[in-house]
Amino acid sequence: MPAIYVDADACPVKAEVTRVAERHGVAVVFVSNGGLRPSRDPMIRHVVVPGKADAADDWIAENAAAGDIGITADVPLAARLVERGLQVLGPTGRAFTRQTIGMDVAMRNLKQDLREAGEIKGYNAGFTARDRSAFLQALDMAVRRALNR
């Protein structure tokens, strides 16, 4: 049975993940460096990883398996999960795939270099209702694909 692994620090779609997972009877693992309210739902697990900033990413990459679903806005983590055979979605519903992850990593690195050089500001676009809706639709489809494997 597939599970959904969520890079939960600053994730804007935790409630949506829970809703879709409950509908399909799929387990969810929220992984963070702390500060999440535990759930009484037995299908939802919270893992708090102390230590360095990437500890949550490392935990997810080590524990998720092919056929699972990963939710993250972190492109390097997405690349690790795609390599392991997961379906990976960003919080806007954008899929990270084997076909796109190379360009995603390259664009992330380019933007980071430009920010460090002062050529662009570090602002991210605001999270919109359209993003939330697109995420819900993409996650529902990803869960259906995972269950039909």
Protein backbone atom coordinates (compact mmCIF):
# COMPACT_ATOMS: atom_id res chain seq x y z
CA MET A 1 0.00 0.00 0.00
CA PRO A 2 1.52 3.35 -0.98
CA ALA A 3 2.07 6.13 1.54
CA ILE A 4 2.32 9.89 1.15
CA TYR A 5 5.50 11.46 2.57
CA VAL A 6 5.25 15.19 3.22
CA ASP A 7 8.17 17.56 3.73
CA ALA A 8 6.02 19.32 6.31
CA ASP A 9 8.08 22.33 7.38
CA ALA A 10 6.32 25.33 5.82
CA CYS A 11 4.10 23.08 3.67
CA PRO A 12 0.92 24.99 2.77
CA VAL A 13 -1.11 21.92 1.76
CA LYS A 14 -1.07 19.67 4.84
CA ALA A 15 -4.86 19.83 5.23
CA GLU A 16 -5.34 18.96 1.56
CA VAL A 17 -3.00 15.98 1.84
CA THR A 18 -4.96 14.73 4.83
CA ARG A 19 -8.28 15.14 3.01
CA VAL A 20 -7.18 13.22 -0.10
CA ALA A 21 -5.47 10.51 1.96
CA GLU A 22 -8.58 9.96 4.09
CA ARG A 23 -10.75 9.67 0.98
CA HIS A 24 -8.51 6.93 -0.43
CA GLY A 25 -7.47 5.22 2.82
CA VAL A 26 -3.77 5.99 2.30
CA ALA A 27 -1.28 6.55 5.13
CA VAL A 28 0.45 9.91 5.47
CA VAL A 29 3.82 10.66 7.07
CA PHE A 30 4.45 14.32 7.92
CA VAL A 31 8.16 14.86 8.50
CA SER A 32 9.44 18.10 10.06
CA ASN A 33 12.05 19.62 12.32
CA GLY A 34 9.29 20.29 14.88
CA GLY A 35 6.22 22.30 15.65
CA LEU A 36 3.45 20.18 14.11
CA ARG A 37 0.27 19.33 15.99
CA PRO A 38 -0.10 15.55 16.21
CA SER A 39 -3.16 13.89 14.73
CA ARG A 40 -5.38 11.29 16.40
CA ASP A 41 -5.96 9.65 13.03
CA PRO A 42 -4.10 6.30 13.00
CA MET A 43 -3.38 6.74 9.27
CA ILE A 44 -1.38 9.92 9.94
CA ARG A 45 2.10 9.74 11.42
CA HIS A 46 4.24 12.66 12.50
CA VAL A 47 8.00 12.28 12.50
CA VAL A 48 10.07 15.01 14.13
CA VAL A 49 13.72 14.93 13.19
CA PRO A 50 16.13 17.01 15.25
CA GLY A 51 19.37 18.37 13.97
CA LYS A 52 20.51 19.99 10.79
CA ALA A 53 18.24 21.76 8.33
CA ASP A 54 18.14 18.88 5.82
CA ALA A 55 17.41 16.19 8.43
CA ALA A 56 13.75 15.95 7.37
CA ASP A 57 14.78 15.63 3.72
CA ASP A 58 17.27 12.89 4.60
CA TRP A 59 14.67 10.99 6.65
CA ILE A 60 12.13 11.08 3.82
CA ALA A 61 14.70 10.04 1.20
CA GLU A 62 15.81 7.10 3.38
CA ASN A 63 12.32 5.86 4.32
CA ALA A 64 10.12 6.46 1.27
CA ALA A 65 10.02 3.72 -1.35
CA ALA A 66 9.17 3.32 -5.01
CA GLY A 67 5.42 3.55 -5.45
CA ASP A 68 5.00 6.09 -2.64
CA ILE A 69 4.13 9.75 -3.17
CA GLY A 70 6.32 12.65 -2.04
CA ILE A 71 5.15 16.21 -1.41
CA THR A 72 7.84 18.90 -1.33
CA ALA A 73 8.78 22.30 -2.67
CA ASP A 74 12.46 21.41 -2.18
CA VAL A 75 13.91 20.63 -5.62
CA PRO A 76 16.99 18.71 -4.38
CA LEU A 77 14.72 16.49 -2.26
CA ALA A 78 12.36 16.07 -5.20
CA ALA A 79 15.31 14.89 -7.31
CA ARG A 80 16.26 12.31 -4.69
CA LEU A 81 12.68 11.02 -4.50
CA VAL A 82 12.21 10.86 -8.27
CA GLU A 83 15.42 8.83 -8.44
CA ARG A 84 13.92 6.38 -5.89
CA GLY A 85 10.79 5.88 -8.02
CA LEU A 86 8.29 8.07 -6.19
CA GLN A 87 5.63 10.27 -7.72
CA VAL A 88 6.59 13.74 -6.48
CA LEU A 89 4.42 16.85 -6.36
CA GLY A 90 5.11 20.41 -5.36
CA PRO A 91 2.48 22.26 -3.30
CA THR A 92 1.12 23.92 -6.45
CA GLY A 93 0.38 20.52 -7.99
CA ARG A 94 3.38 20.63 -10.30
CA ALA A 95 4.82 17.16 -10.83
CA PHE A 96 8.55 16.49 -10.65
CA THR A 97 9.29 13.65 -13.07
CA ARG A 98 12.29 11.85 -14.54
CA GLN A 99 11.77 13.91 -17.70
CA THR A 100 11.67 17.30 -15.92
CA ILE A 101 13.82 16.98 -12.82
CA GLY A 102 17.12 17.82 -14.57
CA MET A 103 15.73 21.16 -15.76
CA ASP A 104 14.11 21.77 -12.36
CA VAL A 105 17.47 21.34 -10.62
CA ALA A 106 19.25 23.52 -13.20
CA MET A 107 16.68 26.34 -12.84
CA ARG A 108 16.84 26.16 -9.05
CA ASN A 109 20.63 26.43 -9.13
CA LEU A 110 20.54 29.30 -11.64
CA LYS A 111 18.04 31.25 -9.53
CA GLN A 112 20.10 30.64 -6.40
CA ASP A 113 23.22 31.97 -8.18
CA LEU A 114 21.32 35.03 -9.42
CA ARG A 115 19.95 35.75 -5.91
CA GLU A 116 23.43 35.44 -4.42
CA ALA A 117 24.78 37.82 -7.06
CA GLY A 118 22.02 40.32 -6.27
CA GLU A 119 20.56 40.10 -9.77
CA ILE A 120 17.12 38.97 -8.59
CA LYS A 121 15.23 39.24 -5.33
CA GLY A 122 14.46 36.11 -3.33
CA TYR A 123 10.69 36.49 -3.39
CA ASN A 124 8.49 33.52 -4.17
CA ALA A 125 5.11 33.96 -5.79
CA GLY A 126 2.21 33.94 -3.33
CA PHE A 127 0.27 30.71 -2.82
CA THR A 128 -3.17 31.07 -4.41
CA ALA A 129 -6.53 29.31 -4.33
CA ARG A 130 -5.79 28.16 -7.87
CA ASP A 131 -2.55 26.54 -6.63
CA ARG A 132 -4.48 24.76 -3.87
CA SER A 133 -7.08 23.49 -6.34
CA ALA A 134 -4.42 22.31 -8.79
CA PHE A 135 -2.64 20.51 -5.96
CA LEU A 136 -5.81 18.72 -4.84
CA GLN A 137 -6.47 17.51 -8.37
CA ALA A 138 -2.85 16.42 -8.95
CA LEU A 139 -2.64 14.58 -5.63
CA ASP A 140 -5.94 12.79 -6.20
CA MET A 141 -4.66 11.58 -9.59
CA ALA A 142 -1.28 10.55 -8.10
CA VAL A 143 -2.97 8.53 -5.35
CA ARG A 144 -5.22 6.80 -7.90
CA ARG A 145 -2.16 5.89 -10.01
CA ALA A 146 -0.31 4.59 -6.94
CA LEU A 147 -3.27 2.46 -5.86
CA ASN A 148 -3.66 0.97 -9.35
CA ARG A 149 -0.07 -0.29 -9.58
